[in-house]
Amino acid sequence: MTQHGSSGSGSGSSSSGCSSRREFKDRISERSTINEKLMVAVRIRPLNVDETGPRALHAVNKKIVMLDDLESDKSKRSSPRQYFYDLVLGEDSSQESVYEGTSKSLVQDIINGYNATVFAYGATGAGKTHTMVGSSEEPGVMVRALNDIFLAARQLSDSVDVEVTMSYLEIYNENIRDLLSPSTGYLELRDESRGRNVQVTGLTEVSTNSTEEVMKLLHQGNKARTVEPTAANETSSRSHALLSVLVKQTTRSSARDIRRRARIKQGKLFMIDLAGSERAKQTKNQGKRLQEGAHINRSLLALGNCITALAGGARYVNYRDSKLTRLLKDALGGNCRTVMIAHVSPAAIHREESKNTLMYADRANRVTNKVEQNVLDVNYHVSQYRDMIGDLKNEISRLRNKMGNSERGRATDEEISSITRGSELRILREKIVSAFKEQMRLRRKLMELDSHLLGLNIAAEQQHAIISHWESRNNKLYKVTKDSAQRRSSTDSQVDEIETEGDDKI
């Protein structure tokens, strides 16, 4: 645009506009990006009262887990497998040591304006909720982190205003529920910034001022969470729970120093208690519980696929297979410092579940995130936007003056062009509406197929249970028949011996 008008103030204004825009871009690029590996910790829970027999795994040290082969035939046993992680927490690890080793350092990261995520993964009954939520006697990561956040916030300078905002949701059967306001019904996800950010529409965000207030909200949310007993766990979480805490800091500008720039620094901490992966045979679920298990496994499979793709350096990662992975997009390969706490049982009866969890954690250990500090220089951005708007106004005024009377002569042409554009827009609008309707039709069809597939999975699980029951019954009948035949054969042999002895005596 500057090449059409180069006189006096117009040129100067244009060049200052370009330089201010360049300076604006340079200012944005000042934020450095840090490549940071996802931290993986493994926690081995103690044996339960009803778990007897040999242990399938144990902690070698604070970095290595040893998984043993329990094949009864010693000649077929393979060598024990070693898994290496950032931190291994043995059966005697306390709630405090788990928090200190995995999550405490993240609190200062949040205060410094970084995003962070802690999530617990493992099979049903492996101890995830105990680690994340805990009890009044043994508080978990969520409680300890919230305590430390408020403690750190109180130690900030008097010139900084701090606001702590909290939200708490669960994903149950691929539906999102607000745990701080359960009566609002199911909530929807919305993509923002061209899909880079995901927001939960209508989610309650509560501004909190004290640790006591946060604990009350956390307790309220945990009471609203979906928990049901299964054969594998008496208090099995049937949903994924996501607690989000936003710490926003605003530096107040001095009234005597107008050149001082107000800055906003905000960090966000996600703490996630995932529902446990489960096998229908182990949990003995039926009906509603079986359907819940299918949804849980499906979302965890989507999460596993994302981790596998990221660990392998894939260019495209499909986060849209579940609502869980859409919400965890930043935590996995995004702008976030992430800690995964994998939970395993040492019991031999849970060896396969523990092995799957260890392999899952091993893949996650190869994921790298790109971490940035979230700092906004308010005064700078506002002043630069004002300068840019002023430059654009000057350019518009200059062009209008240059066009002068010739603009009136081209009015008819412009009107014709406007009518043509209007017609093209109507056609385009009709195409968009048609495409949207087709998209909705396909989405409904996809939902129907998903529902049908889920029904087939449930039916298959039921058939598998029936077959297992039939096989068990058949084996029992076979054993009874075999024992009866053996007894009959033994009796016949004894009769034959008696008859033979009688014949010999005669």
Protein backbone atom coordinates (compact mmCIF):
# COMPACT_ATOMS: atom_id res chain seq x y z
CA MET A 1 0.00 0.00 0.00
CA THR A 2 2.90 2.37 0.72
CA GLN A 3 4.13 2.24 -2.88
CA HIS A 4 1.04 4.17 -4.07
CA GLY A 5 1.58 7.13 -1.78
CA SER A 6 5.04 8.34 -0.66
CA SER A 7 4.66 11.98 0.31
CA GLY A 8 5.46 13.59 3.64
CA SER A 9 3.73 12.40 6.72
CA GLY A 10 2.08 9.50 4.96
CA SER A 11 5.40 7.83 4.30
CA GLY A 12 6.66 8.45 7.81
CA SER A 13 3.51 7.03 9.34
CA SER A 14 3.68 3.96 7.18
CA SER A 15 7.30 3.21 8.03
CA SER A 16 6.64 3.68 11.74
CA GLY A 17 3.70 1.29 11.39
CA CYS A 18 5.94 -1.33 9.76
CA SER A 19 8.62 -0.91 12.40
CA SER A 20 6.09 -1.15 15.23
CA ARG A 21 4.68 -4.34 13.73
CA ARG A 22 8.20 -5.77 13.35
CA GLU A 23 8.96 -4.82 16.96
CA PHE A 24 5.67 -6.44 18.00
CA LYS A 25 6.64 -9.70 16.25
CA ASP A 26 10.14 -9.55 17.76
CA ARG A 27 8.62 -9.07 21.19
CA ILE A 28 6.41 -12.13 20.74
CA SER A 29 9.38 -14.26 19.64
CA GLU A 30 11.29 -13.40 22.84
CA ARG A 31 9.52 -16.26 24.66
CA SER A 32 11.86 -19.20 24.36
CA THR A 33 10.61 -22.76 23.94
CA ILE A 34 12.14 -25.54 26.04
CA ASN A 35 12.04 -29.16 24.91
CA GLU A 36 11.34 -31.21 28.01
CA LYS A 37 10.85 -34.96 28.38
CA LEU A 38 7.72 -36.26 30.07
CA MET A 39 8.63 -37.52 33.56
CA VAL A 40 7.50 -41.07 34.38
CA ALA A 41 7.34 -42.46 37.91
CA VAL A 42 6.16 -45.95 38.90
CA ARG A 43 4.52 -46.62 42.26
CA ILE A 44 4.29 -50.21 43.53
CA ARG A 45 1.47 -50.62 46.02
CA PRO A 46 1.68 -53.05 48.99
CA LEU A 47 -0.05 -56.43 48.77
CA ASN A 48 -3.69 -56.61 49.88
CA VAL A 49 -4.81 -58.99 52.63
CA ASP A 50 -6.32 -61.43 50.12
CA GLU A 51 -3.25 -61.43 47.83
CA THR A 52 -1.02 -64.39 48.62
CA GLY A 53 1.72 -66.23 46.80
CA PRO A 54 4.91 -64.97 45.14
CA ARG A 55 5.50 -61.40 43.99
CA ALA A 56 5.62 -60.79 40.24
CA LEU A 57 7.73 -57.63 40.44
CA HIS A 58 9.82 -55.55 42.82
CA ALA A 59 11.82 -52.33 42.90
CA VAL A 60 15.54 -52.92 42.35
CA ASN A 61 16.35 -49.30 43.24
CA LYS A 62 14.86 -45.82 42.69
CA LYS A 63 15.18 -46.15 38.90
CA ILE A 64 14.57 -49.84 38.04
CA VAL A 65 11.62 -52.24 38.30
CA MET A 66 12.22 -55.98 37.88
CA LEU A 67 9.41 -58.10 36.40
CA ASP A 68 9.78 -61.84 37.03
CA ASP A 69 8.60 -64.72 34.82
CA LEU A 70 6.41 -66.99 36.96
CA GLU A 71 6.14 -69.86 34.48
CA SER A 72 5.66 -73.06 36.53
CA ASP A 73 7.94 -75.01 34.21
CA LYS A 74 11.41 -73.68 35.07
CA SER A 75 12.82 -74.84 31.73
CA LYS A 76 10.42 -72.46 29.93
CA ARG A 77 11.07 -69.42 32.09
CA SER A 78 12.62 -66.35 30.48
CA SER A 79 15.04 -64.01 32.23
CA PRO A 80 13.51 -61.30 34.47
CA ARG A 81 12.77 -58.08 32.56
CA GLN A 82 14.11 -54.75 33.79
CA TYR A 83 12.28 -51.44 33.19
CA PHE A 84 14.02 -48.07 33.69
CA TYR A 85 12.12 -44.92 34.76
CA ASP A 86 12.78 -41.45 36.18
CA LEU A 87 11.62 -42.58 39.62
CA VAL A 88 10.49 -45.88 41.17
CA LEU A 89 8.52 -45.75 44.43
CA GLY A 90 8.50 -49.03 46.32
CA GLU A 91 5.79 -50.65 48.44
CA ASP A 92 6.92 -48.74 51.54
CA SER A 93 6.71 -45.29 49.88
CA SER A 94 4.62 -42.73 51.77
CA GLN A 95 2.15 -40.21 50.34
CA GLU A 96 4.59 -37.44 51.22
CA SER A 97 7.53 -39.11 49.43
CA VAL A 98 5.39 -39.66 46.33
CA TYR A 99 4.40 -35.97 46.25
CA GLU A 100 7.93 -34.75 46.99
CA GLY A 101 9.42 -36.94 44.26
CA THR A 102 6.90 -36.27 41.49
CA SER A 103 4.84 -33.11 41.90
CA LYS A 104 6.18 -30.63 44.46
CA SER A 105 8.58 -28.96 42.00
CA LEU A 106 5.66 -28.28 39.64
CA VAL A 107 4.14 -25.81 42.12
CA GLN A 108 7.00 -23.35 41.61
CA ASP A 109 6.69 -23.90 37.84
CA ILE A 110 3.03 -22.83 38.07
CA ILE A 111 3.99 -19.72 40.06
CA ASN A 112 6.60 -18.94 37.37
CA GLY A 113 3.93 -19.04 34.65
CA TYR A 114 4.27 -22.55 33.22
CA ASN A 115 1.59 -25.18 32.64
CA ALA A 116 1.93 -28.58 34.32
CA THR A 117 0.03 -31.87 34.47
CA VAL A 118 0.15 -34.83 36.85
CA PHE A 119 -1.84 -37.91 35.92
CA ALA A 120 -2.20 -41.33 37.52
CA TYR A 121 -2.43 -44.43 35.32
CA GLY A 122 -2.88 -48.12 36.10
CA ALA A 123 -5.27 -51.04 36.32
CA THR A 124 -8.34 -51.09 38.56
CA GLY A 125 -7.32 -51.39 42.21
CA ALA A 126 -3.68 -50.38 41.63
CA GLY A 127 -3.93 -47.34 43.95
CA LYS A 128 -4.40 -44.35 41.60
CA THR A 129 -7.10 -42.55 43.59
CA HIS A 130 -5.16 -43.11 46.82
CA THR A 131 -2.16 -41.35 45.26
CA MET A 132 -4.10 -38.45 43.74
CA VAL A 133 -6.85 -37.86 46.34
CA GLY A 134 -5.82 -39.86 49.41
CA SER A 135 -7.64 -39.53 52.73
CA SER A 136 -7.81 -37.06 55.62
CA GLU A 137 -5.03 -39.00 57.38
CA GLU A 138 -2.93 -39.49 54.22
CA PRO A 139 -3.70 -36.65 51.79
CA GLY A 140 -2.78 -37.21 48.14
CA VAL A 141 -1.11 -35.15 45.42
CA MET A 142 -4.16 -32.93 44.81
CA VAL A 143 -4.45 -31.79 48.43
CA ARG A 144 -0.70 -31.29 48.95
CA ALA A 145 -0.26 -29.35 45.68
CA LEU A 146 -3.17 -27.01 46.48
CA ASN A 147 -1.72 -26.35 49.95
CA ASP A 148 1.67 -25.47 48.46
CA ILE A 149 0.16 -23.25 45.75
CA PHE A 150 -1.55 -21.02 48.34
CA LEU A 151 1.57 -21.02 50.50
CA ALA A 152 3.68 -19.87 47.52
CA ALA A 153 1.07 -17.28 46.49
CA ARG A 154 1.14 -15.68 49.97
CA GLN A 155 4.91 -15.24 49.71
CA LEU A 156 4.73 -13.18 46.49
CA SER A 157 5.47 -9.45 46.45
CA ASP A 158 2.81 -6.97 47.62
CA SER A 159 2.90 -5.42 44.14
CA VAL A 160 1.43 -8.61 42.64
CA ASP A 161 -2.29 -9.41 42.62
CA VAL A 162 -2.89 -13.17 42.69
CA GLU A 163 -6.09 -14.94 41.64
CA VAL A 164 -6.53 -18.72 42.01
CA THR A 165 -9.34 -20.30 39.98
CA MET A 166 -10.42 -23.93 40.18
CA SER A 167 -12.59 -26.28 38.10
CA TYR A 168 -13.30 -30.00 38.51
CA LEU A 169 -14.88 -32.35 35.98
CA GLU A 170 -15.29 -36.04 35.23
CA ILE A 171 -15.57 -37.96 31.96
CA TYR A 172 -18.12 -40.73 32.45
CA ASN A 173 -19.14 -42.90 29.47
CA GLU A 174 -17.65 -40.23 27.13
CA ASN A 175 -19.87 -37.57 28.75
CA ILE A 176 -18.45 -34.59 30.65
CA ARG A 177 -19.96 -33.74 34.07
CA ASP A 178 -19.20 -30.69 36.20
CA LEU A 179 -18.27 -32.07 39.64
CA LEU A 180 -18.69 -28.63 41.24
CA SER A 181 -22.19 -28.29 39.78
CA PRO A 182 -23.43 -31.83 38.92
CA SER A 183 -27.02 -30.71 38.30
CA THR A 184 -26.06 -28.77 35.15
CA GLY A 185 -26.09 -31.96 33.05
CA TYR A 186 -23.55 -32.99 30.42
CA LEU A 187 -21.17 -30.38 28.98
CA GLU A 188 -19.70 -30.04 25.48
CA LEU A 189 -16.14 -29.50 24.26
CA ARG A 190 -15.37 -26.55 21.98
CA ASP A 191 -12.22 -26.06 19.91
CA GLU A 192 -10.66 -22.59 19.98
CA SER A 193 -7.69 -20.96 18.24
CA ARG A 194 -8.06 -23.27 15.21
CA GLY A 195 -8.17 -26.38 17.36
CA ARG A 196 -5.07 -25.56 19.40
CA ASN A 197 -7.08 -24.99 22.59
CA VAL A 198 -10.04 -26.96 23.89
CA GLN A 199 -12.63 -25.42 26.21
CA VAL A 200 -15.46 -27.07 28.15
CA THR A 201 -18.60 -25.01 27.56
CA GLY A 202 -20.40 -24.04 30.76
CA LEU A 203 -17.82 -25.52 33.17
CA THR A 204 -17.92 -23.91 36.63
CA GLU A 205 -14.77 -21.94 37.46
CA VAL A 206 -14.60 -20.89 41.11
CA SER A 207 -12.27 -18.16 42.34
CA THR A 208 -10.82 -19.28 45.69
CA ASN A 209 -9.05 -17.33 48.43
CA SER A 210 -7.90 -19.96 50.91
CA THR A 211 -6.76 -23.55 51.25
CA GLU A 212 -9.82 -24.35 53.36
CA GLU A 213 -12.15 -23.15 50.61
CA VAL A 214 -10.34 -25.26 48.01
CA MET A 215 -10.45 -28.36 50.23
CA LYS A 216 -14.19 -27.90 50.69
CA LEU A 217 -14.68 -27.71 46.90
CA LEU A 218 -12.42 -30.71 46.33
CA HIS A 219 -14.37 -32.76 48.88
CA GLN A 220 -17.63 -31.66 47.26
CA GLY A 221 -16.38 -32.73 43.83
CA ASN A 222 -15.11 -36.11 45.04
CA LYS A 223 -18.50 -36.88 46.62
CA ALA A 224 -20.19 -36.22 43.26
CA ARG A 225 -17.81 -38.51 41.37
CA THR A 226 -19.11 -41.82 39.96
CA VAL A 227 -17.76 -44.69 42.10
CA GLU A 228 -19.09 -48.27 42.09
CA PRO A 229 -17.89 -51.61 43.54
CA THR A 230 -16.49 -54.32 41.24
CA ALA A 231 -14.92 -57.70 41.91
CA ALA A 232 -11.48 -56.11 41.43
CA ASN A 233 -12.05 -53.03 43.61
CA GLU A 234 -14.74 -52.21 46.18
CA THR A 235 -14.49 -48.46 45.44
CA SER A 236 -13.72 -48.47 41.72
CA SER A 237 -13.71 -45.06 40.01
CA ARG A 238 -15.95 -45.36 36.96
CA SER A 239 -14.80 -42.07 35.43
CA HIS A 240 -11.73 -39.98 34.66
CA ALA A 241 -11.48 -36.96 37.02
CA LEU A 242 -9.68 -33.74 35.94
CA LEU A 243 -8.92 -31.02 38.49
CA SER A 244 -7.70 -27.74 36.99
CA VAL A 245 -6.10 -24.91 39.02
CA LEU A 246 -5.24 -21.59 37.33
CA VAL A 247 -2.88 -19.16 39.10
CA LYS A 248 -3.02 -15.68 37.56
CA GLN A 249 -0.58 -12.96 38.68
CA THR A 250 -0.88 -9.30 37.69
CA THR A 251 1.88 -6.83 38.57
CA ARG A 252 0.46 -3.44 39.52
CA SER A 253 2.03 -0.45 37.73
CA SER A 254 3.39 2.31 39.93
CA ALA A 255 1.41 5.55 39.67
CA ARG A 256 4.69 7.52 39.70
CA ASP A 257 6.33 5.41 36.99
CA ILE A 258 3.99 5.31 34.00
CA ARG A 259 6.71 3.72 31.87
CA ARG A 260 6.58 0.58 34.01
CA ARG A 261 4.64 -2.13 32.18
CA ALA A 262 1.92 -4.15 33.85
CA ARG A 263 2.42 -7.87 33.23
CA ILE A 264 0.14 -10.88 33.54
CA LYS A 265 1.74 -14.22 34.30
CA GLN A 266 -0.42 -17.31 34.55
CA GLY A 267 0.27 -20.98 35.16
CA LYS A 268 -2.16 -23.86 35.06
CA LEU A 269 -1.95 -27.18 36.90
CA PHE A 270 -3.99 -30.21 35.79
CA MET A 271 -4.25 -33.13 38.21
CA ILE A 272 -5.90 -36.20 36.72
CA ASP A 273 -7.10 -39.44 38.28
CA LEU A 274 -7.75 -41.81 35.38
CA ALA A 275 -10.23 -44.67 35.69
CA GLY A 276 -8.54 -48.06 35.75
CA SER A 277 -8.13 -50.28 32.71
CA GLU A 278 -10.03 -53.50 33.36
CA ARG A 279 -10.82 -56.96 32.06
CA ALA A 280 -14.43 -58.14 32.20
CA LYS A 281 -13.28 -61.60 33.31
CA GLN A 282 -11.40 -60.15 36.29
CA THR A 283 -13.98 -57.55 37.35
CA LYS A 284 -16.96 -59.88 36.63
CA ASN A 285 -18.90 -56.87 35.38
CA GLN A 286 -22.28 -57.19 33.72
CA GLY A 287 -24.82 -54.82 32.22
CA LYS A 288 -24.17 -51.19 33.17
CA ARG A 289 -20.76 -51.92 34.75
CA LEU A 290 -19.69 -53.78 31.59
CA GLN A 291 -20.70 -50.80 29.43
CA GLU A 292 -18.75 -48.43 31.71
CA GLY A 293 -15.70 -50.68 31.40
CA ALA A 294 -15.96 -50.64 27.61
CA HIS A 295 -15.98 -46.81 27.58
CA ILE A 296 -13.06 -46.65 30.02
CA ASN A 297 -10.96 -49.07 27.96
CA ARG A 298 -11.81 -47.25 24.74
CA SER A 299 -10.63 -43.87 26.06
CA LEU A 300 -7.47 -45.41 27.57
CA LEU A 301 -6.76 -47.11 24.24
CA ALA A 302 -7.02 -43.71 22.51
CA LEU A 303 -4.61 -42.29 25.11
CA GLY A 304 -2.22 -45.18 24.51
CA ASN A 305 -2.35 -44.61 20.74
CA CYS A 306 -1.46 -40.94 21.23
CA ILE A 307 1.47 -41.81 23.50
CA THR A 308 2.70 -44.44 21.02
CA ALA A 309 2.50 -41.95 18.13
CA LEU A 310 4.32 -39.23 20.10
CA ALA A 311 7.00 -41.65 21.33
CA GLY A 312 7.59 -42.76 17.73
CA GLY A 313 7.91 -39.17 16.46
CA ALA A 314 4.78 -39.32 14.28
CA ARG A 315 3.94 -36.11 12.42
CA TYR A 316 0.21 -36.54 12.98
CA VAL A 317 -1.28 -37.54 16.34
CA ASN A 318 -5.02 -38.28 16.50
CA TYR A 319 -6.30 -36.63 19.68
CA ARG A 320 -9.94 -36.70 18.54
CA ASP A 321 -10.67 -40.37 19.27
CA SER A 322 -11.89 -39.54 22.78
CA LYS A 323 -12.75 -36.55 24.96
CA LEU A 324 -9.99 -37.56 27.34
CA THR A 325 -7.26 -37.21 24.70
CA ARG A 326 -8.73 -33.92 23.45
CA LEU A 327 -8.47 -32.50 26.97
CA LEU A 328 -4.97 -33.94 27.44
CA LYS A 329 -3.65 -32.61 24.12
CA ASP A 330 -1.37 -30.01 25.77
CA ALA A 331 -0.22 -32.46 28.44
CA LEU A 332 0.93 -34.86 25.70
CA GLY A 333 3.41 -33.16 23.40
CA GLY A 334 2.14 -29.62 24.04
CA ASN A 335 2.97 -26.57 26.15
CA CYS A 336 3.09 -28.39 29.48
CA ARG A 337 5.42 -29.99 32.00
CA THR A 338 3.94 -33.43 32.52
CA VAL A 339 4.38 -36.15 35.15
CA MET A 340 2.88 -39.62 34.74
CA ILE A 341 2.59 -41.78 37.87
CA ALA A 342 2.05 -45.39 36.77
CA HIS A 343 0.58 -47.72 39.39
CA VAL A 344 1.21 -51.47 39.60
CA SER A 345 0.48 -54.32 42.00
CA PRO A 346 3.29 -56.74 42.95
CA ALA A 347 0.85 -59.67 43.22
CA ALA A 348 1.38 -62.59 40.85
CA ILE A 349 -2.34 -62.68 39.96
CA HIS A 350 -2.02 -59.15 38.53
CA ARG A 351 1.19 -59.80 36.59
CA GLU A 352 -0.30 -59.24 33.11
CA GLU A 353 -1.99 -55.97 34.12
CA SER A 354 1.25 -54.78 35.76
CA LYS A 355 3.28 -55.75 32.69
CA ASN A 356 0.93 -53.77 30.41
CA THR A 357 1.21 -50.73 32.69
CA LEU A 358 5.03 -50.93 32.74
CA MET A 359 5.15 -51.13 28.94
CA TYR A 360 2.72 -48.20 28.69
CA ALA A 361 4.91 -46.13 31.02
CA ASP A 362 8.03 -47.12 29.07
CA ARG A 363 6.53 -45.64 25.88
CA ALA A 364 5.47 -42.46 27.71
CA ASN A 365 9.07 -42.04 28.86
CA ARG A 366 10.02 -41.17 25.27
CA VAL A 367 7.50 -38.31 24.82
CA THR A 368 8.86 -34.74 24.66
CA ASN A 369 6.87 -31.53 25.29
CA LYS A 370 7.59 -27.97 24.16
CA VAL A 371 7.24 -25.77 27.23
CA GLU A 372 6.75 -21.97 27.17
CA GLN A 373 6.28 -19.43 29.92
CA ASN A 374 2.84 -17.77 29.80
CA VAL A 375 3.64 -14.06 30.23
CA LEU A 376 1.64 -11.18 28.75
CA ASP A 377 3.00 -7.62 28.80
CA VAL A 378 -0.31 -5.76 29.02
CA ASN A 379 0.83 -2.14 28.58
CA TYR A 380 3.12 -3.05 25.70
CA HIS A 381 0.48 -4.98 23.80
CA VAL A 382 -2.18 -2.29 24.31
CA SER A 383 0.12 0.52 23.16
CA GLN A 384 1.26 -1.44 20.11
CA TYR A 385 -2.29 -2.24 19.10
CA ARG A 386 -3.17 1.47 19.42
CA ASP A 387 -0.21 2.43 17.22
CA MET A 388 -1.18 -0.14 14.59
CA ILE A 389 -4.79 1.09 14.57
CA GLY A 390 -3.58 4.69 14.18
CA ASP A 391 -1.34 3.68 11.26
CA LEU A 392 -4.20 1.92 9.51
CA LYS A 393 -6.48 4.95 9.97
CA ASN A 394 -3.84 7.21 8.39
CA GLU A 395 -3.44 4.85 5.43
CA ILE A 396 -7.20 4.77 4.86
CA SER A 397 -7.39 8.59 5.00
CA ARG A 398 -4.47 8.98 2.57
CA LEU A 399 -5.98 6.57 0.05
CA ARG A 400 -9.34 8.31 0.21
CA ASN A 401 -7.69 11.70 -0.52
CA LYS A 402 -5.75 10.27 -3.45
CA MET A 403 -8.78 8.63 -5.02
CA GLY A 404 -10.72 11.94 -4.82
CA ASN A 405 -13.29 12.50 -7.54
CA SER A 406 -12.31 9.39 -9.52
CA GLU A 407 -13.97 7.35 -6.79
CA ARG A 408 -17.37 8.77 -7.76
CA GLY A 409 -16.79 7.83 -11.42
CA ARG A 410 -16.22 4.21 -10.45
CA ALA A 411 -19.23 4.05 -8.19
CA THR A 412 -21.35 2.26 -10.77
CA ASP A 413 -18.66 -0.34 -11.37
CA GLU A 414 -18.33 -0.86 -7.63
CA GLU A 415 -22.08 -1.27 -7.24
CA ILE A 416 -22.10 -3.90 -9.99
CA SER A 417 -19.16 -5.62 -8.34
CA SER A 418 -20.98 -5.49 -4.99
CA ILE A 419 -24.09 -7.13 -6.49
CA THR A 420 -21.92 -9.85 -8.06
CA ARG A 421 -20.18 -10.48 -4.77
CA GLY A 422 -23.55 -10.67 -3.00
CA SER A 423 -24.73 -13.33 -5.44
CA GLU A 424 -21.52 -15.30 -5.00
CA LEU A 425 -21.86 -15.07 -1.22
CA ARG A 426 -25.42 -16.42 -1.34
CA ILE A 427 -24.26 -19.40 -3.42
CA LEU A 428 -21.35 -19.97 -1.07
CA ARG A 429 -23.66 -19.73 1.96
CA GLU A 430 -25.98 -22.34 0.46
CA LYS A 431 -23.02 -24.65 -0.14
CA ILE A 432 -21.82 -24.19 3.44
CA VAL A 433 -25.29 -24.93 4.84
CA SER A 434 -25.55 -28.01 2.63
CA ALA A 435 -22.09 -29.20 3.71
CA PHE A 436 -22.98 -28.61 7.36
CA LYS A 437 -26.17 -30.65 7.03
CA GLU A 438 -24.23 -33.46 5.36
CA GLN A 439 -21.63 -33.29 8.15
CA MET A 440 -24.37 -33.57 10.78
CA ARG A 441 -25.92 -36.51 8.93
CA LEU A 442 -22.56 -38.30 8.80
CA ARG A 443 -21.93 -37.52 12.47
CA ARG A 444 -25.29 -39.02 13.44
CA LYS A 445 -24.48 -42.07 11.32
CA LEU A 446 -21.08 -42.36 13.02
CA MET A 447 -22.72 -42.15 16.46
CA GLU A 448 -25.16 -44.88 15.45
CA LEU A 449 -22.26 -47.06 14.29
CA ASP A 450 -20.37 -46.40 17.54
CA SER A 451 -23.45 -47.35 19.54
CA HIS A 452 -23.92 -50.50 17.45
CA LEU A 453 -20.23 -51.41 17.85
CA LEU A 454 -20.46 -50.89 21.61
CA GLY A 455 -23.50 -53.17 21.69
CA LEU A 456 -21.59 -55.82 19.76
CA ASN A 457 -18.66 -55.54 22.19
CA ILE A 458 -21.00 -55.98 25.16
CA ALA A 459 -22.69 -58.94 23.47
CA ALA A 460 -19.29 -60.48 22.74
CA GLU A 461 -18.25 -60.08 26.38
CA GLN A 462 -21.50 -61.71 27.50
CA GLN A 463 -21.00 -64.60 25.07
CA HIS A 464 -17.44 -64.99 26.30
CA ALA A 465 -18.72 -65.16 29.89
CA ILE A 466 -21.30 -67.81 28.88
CA ILE A 467 -18.63 -69.85 27.07
CA SER A 468 -16.29 -69.61 30.07
CA HIS A 469 -19.10 -70.77 32.36
CA TRP A 470 -19.95 -73.64 29.98
CA GLU A 471 -16.30 -74.69 29.73
CA SER A 472 -15.95 -74.62 33.51
CA ARG A 473 -19.09 -76.70 33.94
CA ASN A 474 -18.00 -79.11 31.19
CA ASN A 475 -14.60 -79.53 32.84
CA LYS A 476 -16.28 -80.34 36.14
CA LEU A 477 -18.58 -82.90 34.47
CA TYR A 478 -15.60 -84.40 32.66
CA LYS A 479 -13.69 -84.68 35.92
CA VAL A 480 -16.68 -86.31 37.69
CA THR A 481 -17.15 -88.75 34.78
CA LYS A 482 -13.44 -89.52 34.71
CA ASP A 483 -13.34 -90.13 38.49
CA SER A 484 -16.43 -92.36 38.26
CA ALA A 485 -14.88 -94.36 35.41
CA GLN A 486 -11.67 -94.76 37.37
CA ARG A 487 -13.58 -95.96 40.43
CA ARG A 488 -15.60 -98.40 38.27
CA SER A 489 -12.39 -99.69 36.66
CA SER A 490 -10.83 -100.13 40.09
CA THR A 491 -13.91 -102.00 41.34
CA ASP A 492 -13.90 -104.26 38.27
CA SER A 493 -10.21 -105.03 38.83
CA GLN A 494 -10.87 -105.94 42.44
CA VAL A 495 -13.76 -108.24 41.41
CA ASP A 496 -11.54 -109.90 38.83
CA GLU A 497 -8.84 -110.45 41.45
CA ILE A 498 -11.35 -111.99 43.88
CA GLU A 499 -12.72 -114.29 41.17
CA THR A 500 -9.17 -115.31 40.20
CA GLU A 501 -8.32 -116.10 43.82
CA GLY A 502 -11.53 -118.14 44.10
CA ASP A 503 -10.67 -120.10 40.99
CA ASP A 504 -7.17 -120.77 42.32
CA LYS A 505 -8.57 -122.11 45.60
CA ILE A 506 -10.98 -124.37 43.77
